[in-house]
C-alpha atoms as a PDB file:
ATOM      1  CA  MET A   1      87.830  61.240 105.484  1.00  0.00           C
ATOM      2  CA  ALA A   2      85.329  63.927 104.912  1.00  0.00           C
ATOM      3  CA  ASN A   3      85.262  65.919 101.667  1.00  0.00           C
ATOM      4  CA  PRO A   4      82.927  68.919 100.725  1.00  0.00           C
ATOM      5  CA  LYS A   5      80.164  67.648  98.775  1.00  0.00           C
ATOM      6  CA  ARG A   6      80.432  70.843  96.423  1.00  0.00           C
ATOM      7  CA  LYS A   7      83.090  72.905  94.998  1.00  0.00           C
ATOM      8  CA  GLN A   8      83.536  75.844  96.751  1.00  0.00           C
ATOM      9  CA  SER A   9      83.161  78.960  94.060  1.00  0.00           C
ATOM     10  CA  LYS A  10      85.826  81.329  93.140  1.00  0.00           C
ATOM     11  CA  ARG A  11      84.238  84.476  94.532  1.00  0.00           C
ATOM     12  CA  ARG A  12      84.043  82.152  98.186  1.00  0.00           C
ATOM     13  CA  SER A  13      87.613  81.694  98.541  1.00  0.00           C
ATOM     14  CA  ARG A  14      88.549  85.261  97.214  1.00  0.00           C
ATOM     15  CA  LEU A  15      86.193  86.844  99.523  1.00  0.00           C
ATOM     16  CA  ARG A  16      87.750  84.326 102.255  1.00  0.00           C
ATOM     17  CA  ARG A  17      91.823  85.355 101.077  1.00  0.00           C
ATOM     18  CA  GLY A  18      90.282  89.278 100.758  1.00  0.00           C
ATOM     19  CA  GLN A  19      89.954  89.456 104.767  1.00  0.00           C
ATOM     20  CA  ASN A  20      94.006  88.531 105.124  1.00  0.00           C
ATOM     21  CA  GLN A  21      95.192  91.584 103.619  1.00  0.00           C
ATOM     22  CA  PHE A  22      97.839  93.703 105.869  1.00  0.00           C
ATOM     23  CA  TYR A  23      97.365  97.159 106.321  1.00  0.00           C
ATOM     24  CA  ALA A  24      99.215  99.828 106.894  1.00  0.00           C
ATOM     25  CA  PRO A  25      99.341 100.981 111.009  1.00  0.00           C
ATOM     26  CA  LYS A  26      97.113 103.609 112.027  1.00  0.00           C
ATOM     27  CA  LEU A  27      99.297 106.965 113.153  1.00  0.00           C
ATOM     28  CA  VAL A  28      98.409 109.891 115.018  1.00  0.00           C
ATOM     29  CA  LYS A  29      99.901 113.249 115.685  1.00  0.00           C
ATOM     30  CA  ASP A  30     101.465 113.792 119.251  1.00  0.00           C
ATOM     31  CA  ALA A  31      99.827 116.986 120.452  1.00  0.00           C
ATOM     32  CA  GLU A  32     103.559 117.832 121.989  1.00  0.00           C
ATOM     33  CA  SER A  33     106.847 116.651 120.050  1.00  0.00           C
ATOM     34  CA  GLY A  34     104.321 116.513 116.943  1.00  0.00           C
ATOM     35  CA  VAL A  35     105.574 112.935 116.025  1.00  0.00           C
ATOM     36  CA  LEU A  36     103.687 110.473 114.597  1.00  0.00           C
ATOM     37  CA  ARG A  37     103.008 107.384 116.407  1.00  0.00           C
ATOM     38  CA  ARG A  38     100.848 104.734 117.097  1.00  0.00           C
ATOM     39  CA  PRO A  39      97.685 105.613 119.259  1.00  0.00           C
ATOM     40  CA  HIS A  40      97.309 104.131 122.856  1.00  0.00           C
ATOM     41  CA  ARG A  41     100.985 104.042 123.482  1.00  0.00           C
ATOM     42  CA  VAL A  42     103.840 106.076 124.953  1.00  0.00           C
ATOM     43  CA  ASP A  43     105.389 108.570 122.868  1.00  0.00           C
ATOM     44  CA  PRO A  44     108.887 107.732 121.918  1.00  0.00           C
ATOM     45  CA  VAL A  45     110.494 111.157 121.864  1.00  0.00           C
ATOM     46  CA  THR A  46     108.816 112.358 125.290  1.00  0.00           C
ATOM     47  CA  GLY A  47     108.008 109.308 127.092  1.00  0.00           C
ATOM     48  CA  LYS A  48     104.795 110.731 127.810  1.00  0.00           C
ATOM     49  CA  TYR A  49     101.605 109.050 127.926  1.00  0.00           C
ATOM     50  CA  ARG A  50      97.970 110.714 128.032  1.00  0.00           C
ATOM     51  CA  GLY A  51      99.943 113.537 129.358  1.00  0.00           C
ATOM     52  CA  ARG A  52     101.868 111.554 132.265  1.00  0.00           C
ATOM     53  CA  GLN A  53     105.413 111.344 132.218  1.00  0.00           C
ATOM     54  CA  VAL A  54     106.038 106.795 132.295  1.00  0.00           C
ATOM     55  CA  LEU A  55     109.245 106.380 130.972  1.00  0.00           C
ATOM     56  CA  ASP A  56     112.652 108.284 130.867  1.00  0.00           C
ATOM     57  CA  ALA A  57     112.911 110.610 128.026  1.00  0.00           C
ATOM     58  CA  GLY A  58     116.314 109.082 126.929  1.00  0.00           C
ATOM     59  CA  ALA A  59     115.490 106.032 126.917  1.00  0.00           C
END
């Protein structure tokens, strides 16, 4: 089996692990309903996406 030639430094390991963080989702305020929602998704309250009705409002 292949083995590393040198020990990996703590800094290098921590830099790699630092990329595996969880971030809070970005939210935008809807212009019509004022509800916070994820960008580029259908508004759950009105059922609209980019000003067009795509879902029933009750769904």
